[in-house]
Amino acid sequence: MDRKKKNIIELTRVGVDECRTGSHLPLRVMLDSVRSLNNVGSVLRTSDAFMVDQVIMCGITGTPPNPEIHKTALGAEDSVNWRHCPDTLAALRELQAGGWTVCVLEQTHNSVPLDEFVPVVGQKYVIVAGNEVHGVDQAVVDAADVVIEIPQCGAKHSLNVAVSTGIALWHFFSVLKP
């Protein structure tokens, strides 16, 4: 069994330009007032890995170029399509009008456990993740098409926003990947 780590050439990744303009999954991420620039960078890097179409940074969420974002994005701020929208709810409604299914990551009454949510191939999805302290704004939760909750068992009541986004992205990627 060969367990030698692959070098950069053996990983056969595409370049930044090809990643930015190439094919993506019908999957977007919306960050609702995420305050940590390290979390923003981490979400960008994970979005690169899972072929996310776009990251939409809303409210107070910081945007590139920024050294703190770069610290965790490690260049993904250049390979992932992103934009800023000052109003999360307005951005959500715009996406819904364009046929995107909005999935909020939040703990609510009647939320759907992530492992029970099955993305449908051919549909377009947006995963909304929220502020590290307050989560996703209630008006955004109310306007979403579905609320998805990551089942947890520990003493803490939530996961880090970048971690929960990564878990959700993997779930969607595992179904929607080409």
C-alpha atoms as a PDB file:
ATOM      1  CA  MET A   1       0.000   0.000   0.000  1.00  0.00           C
ATOM      2  CA  ASP A   2       1.445   3.346  -1.094  1.00  0.00           C
ATOM      3  CA  ARG A   3       0.778   6.028   1.509  1.00  0.00           C
ATOM      4  CA  LYS A   4       3.316   8.521   0.266  1.00  0.00           C
ATOM      5  CA  LYS A   5       1.769  11.993   0.257  1.00  0.00           C
ATOM      6  CA  LYS A   6       0.994  13.416  -3.170  1.00  0.00           C
ATOM      7  CA  ASN A   7       3.009  16.386  -4.345  1.00  0.00           C
ATOM      8  CA  ILE A   8       1.447  19.486  -5.873  1.00  0.00           C
ATOM      9  CA  ILE A   9       1.751  18.124  -9.425  1.00  0.00           C
ATOM     10  CA  GLU A  10       0.133  14.794  -8.522  1.00  0.00           C
ATOM     11  CA  LEU A  11      -2.890  16.619  -7.069  1.00  0.00           C
ATOM     12  CA  THR A  12      -3.736  17.799 -10.624  1.00  0.00           C
ATOM     13  CA  ARG A  13      -5.764  20.832  -9.634  1.00  0.00           C
ATOM     14  CA  VAL A  14      -6.880  23.482 -12.088  1.00  0.00           C
ATOM     15  CA  GLY A  15      -5.423  26.979 -12.095  1.00  0.00           C
ATOM     16  CA  VAL A  16      -7.036  30.025 -10.478  1.00  0.00           C
ATOM     17  CA  ASP A  17      -8.440  31.408 -13.743  1.00  0.00           C
ATOM     18  CA  GLU A  18      -9.867  28.053 -14.811  1.00  0.00           C
ATOM     19  CA  CYS A  19     -11.364  27.546 -11.360  1.00  0.00           C
ATOM     20  CA  ARG A  20     -13.016  30.954 -11.428  1.00  0.00           C
ATOM     21  CA  THR A  21     -14.436  30.613 -14.948  1.00  0.00           C
ATOM     22  CA  GLY A  22     -14.888  26.830 -15.211  1.00  0.00           C
ATOM     23  CA  SER A  23     -17.933  24.764 -14.342  1.00  0.00           C
ATOM     24  CA  HIS A  24     -19.327  24.926 -10.830  1.00  0.00           C
ATOM     25  CA  LEU A  25     -21.971  23.101  -8.892  1.00  0.00           C
ATOM     26  CA  PRO A  26     -25.401  24.764  -8.763  1.00  0.00           C
ATOM     27  CA  LEU A  27     -24.501  25.727  -5.211  1.00  0.00           C
ATOM     28  CA  ARG A  28     -23.868  29.076  -3.547  1.00  0.00           C
ATOM     29  CA  VAL A  29     -22.987  30.148  -0.021  1.00  0.00           C
ATOM     30  CA  MET A  30     -24.438  33.224   1.651  1.00  0.00           C
ATOM     31  CA  LEU A  31     -22.784  34.580   4.792  1.00  0.00           C
ATOM     32  CA  ASP A  32     -25.142  36.626   6.966  1.00  0.00           C
ATOM     33  CA  SER A  33     -23.065  39.126   8.970  1.00  0.00           C
ATOM     34  CA  VAL A  34     -20.171  36.799   9.733  1.00  0.00           C
ATOM     35  CA  ARG A  35     -17.832  38.913  11.836  1.00  0.00           C
ATOM     36  CA  SER A  36     -14.622  36.826  11.799  1.00  0.00           C
ATOM     37  CA  LEU A  37     -12.452  37.427   8.764  1.00  0.00           C
ATOM     38  CA  ASN A  38     -10.770  34.085   9.458  1.00  0.00           C
ATOM     39  CA  ASN A  39     -14.166  32.380   9.095  1.00  0.00           C
ATOM     40  CA  VAL A  40     -14.761  34.220   5.812  1.00  0.00           C
ATOM     41  CA  GLY A  41     -11.397  33.023   4.505  1.00  0.00           C
ATOM     42  CA  SER A  42     -12.075  29.480   5.615  1.00  0.00           C
ATOM     43  CA  VAL A  43     -15.470  29.454   3.875  1.00  0.00           C
ATOM     44  CA  LEU A  44     -13.840  30.740   0.685  1.00  0.00           C
ATOM     45  CA  ARG A  45     -11.215  27.994   0.805  1.00  0.00           C
ATOM     46  CA  THR A  46     -13.816  25.285   1.409  1.00  0.00           C
ATOM     47  CA  SER A  47     -15.995  26.747  -1.352  1.00  0.00           C
ATOM     48  CA  ASP A  48     -13.048  26.405  -3.739  1.00  0.00           C
ATOM     49  CA  ALA A  49     -12.655  22.736  -2.795  1.00  0.00           C
ATOM     50  CA  PHE A  50     -16.322  21.931  -3.434  1.00  0.00           C
ATOM     51  CA  MET A  51     -16.799  23.861  -6.714  1.00  0.00           C
ATOM     52  CA  VAL A  52     -19.194  26.442  -5.239  1.00  0.00           C
ATOM     53  CA  ASP A  53     -20.609  28.818  -7.837  1.00  0.00           C
ATOM     54  CA  GLN A  54     -20.428  31.948  -5.667  1.00  0.00           C
ATOM     55  CA  VAL A  55     -20.020  33.173  -2.101  1.00  0.00           C
ATOM     56  CA  ILE A  56     -22.279  36.091  -1.210  1.00  0.00           C
ATOM     57  CA  MET A  57     -21.034  38.136   1.743  1.00  0.00           C
ATOM     58  CA  CYS A  58     -23.860  40.065   3.347  1.00  0.00           C
ATOM     59  CA  GLY A  59     -24.238  42.700   6.038  1.00  0.00           C
ATOM     60  CA  ILE A  60     -21.101  43.251   8.110  1.00  0.00           C
ATOM     61  CA  THR A  61     -19.279  40.285   6.551  1.00  0.00           C
ATOM     62  CA  GLY A  62     -15.819  41.409   5.482  1.00  0.00           C
ATOM     63  CA  THR A  63     -14.637  41.028   1.905  1.00  0.00           C
ATOM     64  CA  PRO A  64     -11.340  40.587   0.103  1.00  0.00           C
ATOM     65  CA  PRO A  65      -8.821  41.953  -0.340  1.00  0.00           C
ATOM     66  CA  ASN A  66      -7.941  41.629   3.307  1.00  0.00           C
ATOM     67  CA  PRO A  67      -4.849  40.098   4.952  1.00  0.00           C
ATOM     68  CA  GLU A  68      -6.950  38.388   7.648  1.00  0.00           C
ATOM     69  CA  ILE A  69      -9.165  36.723   5.018  1.00  0.00           C
ATOM     70  CA  HIS A  70      -6.103  35.751   2.980  1.00  0.00           C
ATOM     71  CA  LYS A  71      -4.552  34.109   6.043  1.00  0.00           C
ATOM     72  CA  THR A  72      -7.138  31.286   5.927  1.00  0.00           C
ATOM     73  CA  ALA A  73      -8.329  31.529   2.299  1.00  0.00           C
ATOM     74  CA  LEU A  74      -4.767  31.037   1.029  1.00  0.00           C
ATOM     75  CA  GLY A  75      -5.668  32.427  -2.390  1.00  0.00           C
ATOM     76  CA  ALA A  76      -9.230  31.089  -2.628  1.00  0.00           C
ATOM     77  CA  GLU A  77     -10.404  34.705  -2.551  1.00  0.00           C
ATOM     78  CA  ASP A  78      -9.007  34.821  -6.105  1.00  0.00           C
ATOM     79  CA  SER A  79     -10.335  31.449  -7.328  1.00  0.00           C
ATOM     80  CA  VAL A  80     -13.901  31.678  -5.961  1.00  0.00           C
ATOM     81  CA  ASN A  81     -16.495  34.034  -7.393  1.00  0.00           C
ATOM     82  CA  TRP A  82     -17.765  36.283  -4.622  1.00  0.00           C
ATOM     83  CA  ARG A  83     -19.738  39.463  -4.149  1.00  0.00           C
ATOM     84  CA  HIS A  84     -20.948  41.659  -1.323  1.00  0.00           C
ATOM     85  CA  CYS A  85     -24.587  42.523  -0.723  1.00  0.00           C
ATOM     86  CA  PRO A  86     -25.422  44.900   2.141  1.00  0.00           C
ATOM     87  CA  ASP A  87     -28.881  43.389   2.748  1.00  0.00           C
ATOM     88  CA  THR A  88     -29.105  39.620   3.312  1.00  0.00           C
ATOM     89  CA  LEU A  89     -32.878  39.476   2.926  1.00  0.00           C
ATOM     90  CA  ALA A  90     -32.766  41.381  -0.376  1.00  0.00           C
ATOM     91  CA  ALA A  91     -30.055  39.042  -1.681  1.00  0.00           C
ATOM     92  CA  LEU A  92     -32.116  36.027  -0.581  1.00  0.00           C
ATOM     93  CA  ARG A  93     -35.216  37.260  -2.407  1.00  0.00           C
ATOM     94  CA  GLU A  94     -33.168  37.978  -5.544  1.00  0.00           C
ATOM     95  CA  LEU A  95     -31.840  34.415  -5.511  1.00  0.00           C
ATOM     96  CA  GLN A  96     -35.271  32.902  -4.924  1.00  0.00           C
ATOM     97  CA  ALA A  97     -36.628  34.922  -7.859  1.00  0.00           C
ATOM     98  CA  GLY A  98     -33.839  33.370  -9.941  1.00  0.00           C
ATOM     99  CA  GLY A  99     -34.924  29.846  -9.043  1.00  0.00           C
ATOM    100  CA  TRP A 100     -32.471  29.151  -6.224  1.00  0.00           C
ATOM    101  CA  THR A 101     -33.653  27.082  -3.244  1.00  0.00           C
ATOM    102  CA  VAL A 102     -32.505  28.827  -0.067  1.00  0.00           C
ATOM    103  CA  CYS A 103     -31.350  26.491   2.727  1.00  0.00           C
ATOM    104  CA  VAL A 104     -30.575  28.160   6.047  1.00  0.00           C
ATOM    105  CA  LEU A 105     -28.221  26.433   8.490  1.00  0.00           C
ATOM    106  CA  GLU A 106     -29.881  27.026  11.827  1.00  0.00           C
ATOM    107  CA  GLN A 107     -31.424  25.302  14.833  1.00  0.00           C
ATOM    108  CA  THR A 108     -35.172  25.876  14.724  1.00  0.00           C
ATOM    109  CA  HIS A 109     -38.404  24.125  15.503  1.00  0.00           C
ATOM    110  CA  ASN A 110     -39.216  21.898  12.516  1.00  0.00           C
ATOM    111  CA  SER A 111     -35.739  22.130  10.970  1.00  0.00           C
ATOM    112  CA  VAL A 112     -34.661  19.207   8.781  1.00  0.00           C
ATOM    113  CA  PRO A 113     -31.640  17.209   9.996  1.00  0.00           C
ATOM    114  CA  LEU A 114     -28.865  17.562   7.418  1.00  0.00           C
ATOM    115  CA  ASP A 115     -28.518  13.801   7.036  1.00  0.00           C
ATOM    116  CA  GLU A 116     -32.202  13.584   6.073  1.00  0.00           C
ATOM    117  CA  PHE A 117     -32.094  16.403   3.512  1.00  0.00           C
ATOM    118  CA  VAL A 118     -31.511  15.066  -0.001  1.00  0.00           C
ATOM    119  CA  PRO A 119     -30.527  17.693  -2.573  1.00  0.00           C
ATOM    120  CA  VAL A 120     -32.151  17.120  -5.959  1.00  0.00           C
ATOM    121  CA  VAL A 121     -29.826  16.974  -8.954  1.00  0.00           C
ATOM    122  CA  GLY A 122     -30.781  19.747 -11.357  1.00  0.00           C
ATOM    123  CA  GLN A 123     -31.939  22.186  -8.671  1.00  0.00           C
ATOM    124  CA  LYS A 124     -29.926  25.236  -7.583  1.00  0.00           C
ATOM    125  CA  TYR A 125     -29.164  25.689  -3.877  1.00  0.00           C
ATOM    126  CA  VAL A 126     -27.936  28.436  -1.576  1.00  0.00           C
ATOM    127  CA  ILE A 127     -26.617  27.564   1.880  1.00  0.00           C
ATOM    128  CA  VAL A 128     -27.004  30.468   4.317  1.00  0.00           C
ATOM    129  CA  ALA A 129     -24.730  30.557   7.372  1.00  0.00           C
ATOM    130  CA  GLY A 130     -24.945  33.200  10.062  1.00  0.00           C
ATOM    131  CA  ASN A 131     -23.204  35.341  12.612  1.00  0.00           C
ATOM    132  CA  GLU A 132     -20.990  33.569  15.140  1.00  0.00           C
ATOM    133  CA  VAL A 133     -23.043  34.761  18.120  1.00  0.00           C
ATOM    134  CA  HIS A 134     -26.573  35.389  16.844  1.00  0.00           C
ATOM    135  CA  GLY A 135     -26.795  32.948  13.928  1.00  0.00           C
ATOM    136  CA  VAL A 136     -28.880  33.723  10.865  1.00  0.00           C
ATOM    137  CA  ASP A 137     -31.211  36.716  11.240  1.00  0.00           C
ATOM    138  CA  GLN A 138     -34.773  35.580  12.036  1.00  0.00           C
ATOM    139  CA  ALA A 139     -36.244  37.425   9.026  1.00  0.00           C
ATOM    140  CA  VAL A 140     -33.868  35.465   6.778  1.00  0.00           C
ATOM    141  CA  VAL A 141     -34.807  32.197   8.514  1.00  0.00           C
ATOM    142  CA  ASP A 142     -38.482  33.015   7.990  1.00  0.00           C
ATOM    143  CA  ALA A 143     -37.963  33.707   4.266  1.00  0.00           C
ATOM    144  CA  ALA A 144     -35.923  30.547   3.574  1.00  0.00           C
ATOM    145  CA  ASP A 145     -37.259  27.600   1.610  1.00  0.00           C
ATOM    146  CA  VAL A 146     -35.897  25.101   4.124  1.00  0.00           C
ATOM    147  CA  VAL A 147     -34.011  25.184   7.429  1.00  0.00           C
ATOM    148  CA  ILE A 148     -31.323  22.551   7.817  1.00  0.00           C
ATOM    149  CA  GLU A 149     -29.832  21.581  11.162  1.00  0.00           C
ATOM    150  CA  ILE A 150     -26.633  19.626  11.728  1.00  0.00           C
ATOM    151  CA  PRO A 151     -27.388  17.035  14.435  1.00  0.00           C
ATOM    152  CA  GLN A 152     -25.090  17.440  17.444  1.00  0.00           C
ATOM    153  CA  CYS A 153     -24.667  15.638  20.748  1.00  0.00           C
ATOM    154  CA  GLY A 154     -22.041  17.516  22.785  1.00  0.00           C
ATOM    155  CA  ALA A 155     -22.375  20.101  25.525  1.00  0.00           C
ATOM    156  CA  LYS A 156     -21.876  23.059  23.178  1.00  0.00           C
ATOM    157  CA  HIS A 157     -24.972  24.298  21.383  1.00  0.00           C
ATOM    158  CA  SER A 158     -23.440  25.093  18.009  1.00  0.00           C
ATOM    159  CA  LEU A 159     -20.526  24.609  15.654  1.00  0.00           C
ATOM    160  CA  ASN A 160     -18.170  27.235  14.296  1.00  0.00           C
ATOM    161  CA  VAL A 161     -19.727  28.896  11.223  1.00  0.00           C
ATOM    162  CA  ALA A 162     -16.896  27.826   8.913  1.00  0.00           C
ATOM    163  CA  VAL A 163     -17.077  24.246  10.196  1.00  0.00           C
ATOM    164  CA  SER A 164     -20.857  24.004   9.832  1.00  0.00           C
ATOM    165  CA  THR A 165     -20.661  25.497   6.332  1.00  0.00           C
ATOM    166  CA  GLY A 166     -18.003  22.951   5.410  1.00  0.00           C
ATOM    167  CA  ILE A 167     -20.122  20.061   6.695  1.00  0.00           C
ATOM    168  CA  ALA A 168     -23.131  21.283   4.713  1.00  0.00           C
ATOM    169  CA  LEU A 169     -21.056  21.854   1.575  1.00  0.00           C
ATOM    170  CA  TRP A 170     -19.701  18.308   1.761  1.00  0.00           C
ATOM    171  CA  HIS A 171     -23.241  16.960   2.076  1.00  0.00           C
ATOM    172  CA  PHE A 172     -24.426  18.863  -1.012  1.00  0.00           C
ATOM    173  CA  PHE A 173     -21.211  18.115  -2.959  1.00  0.00           C
ATOM    174  CA  SER A 174     -21.529  14.387  -2.290  1.00  0.00           C
ATOM    175  CA  VAL A 175     -24.921  14.392  -4.067  1.00  0.00           C
ATOM    176  CA  LEU A 176     -24.433  17.095  -6.727  1.00  0.00           C
ATOM    177  CA  LYS A 177     -20.845  16.436  -7.888  1.00  0.00           C
ATOM    178  CA  PRO A 178     -20.481  15.542 -11.572  1.00  0.00           C
END
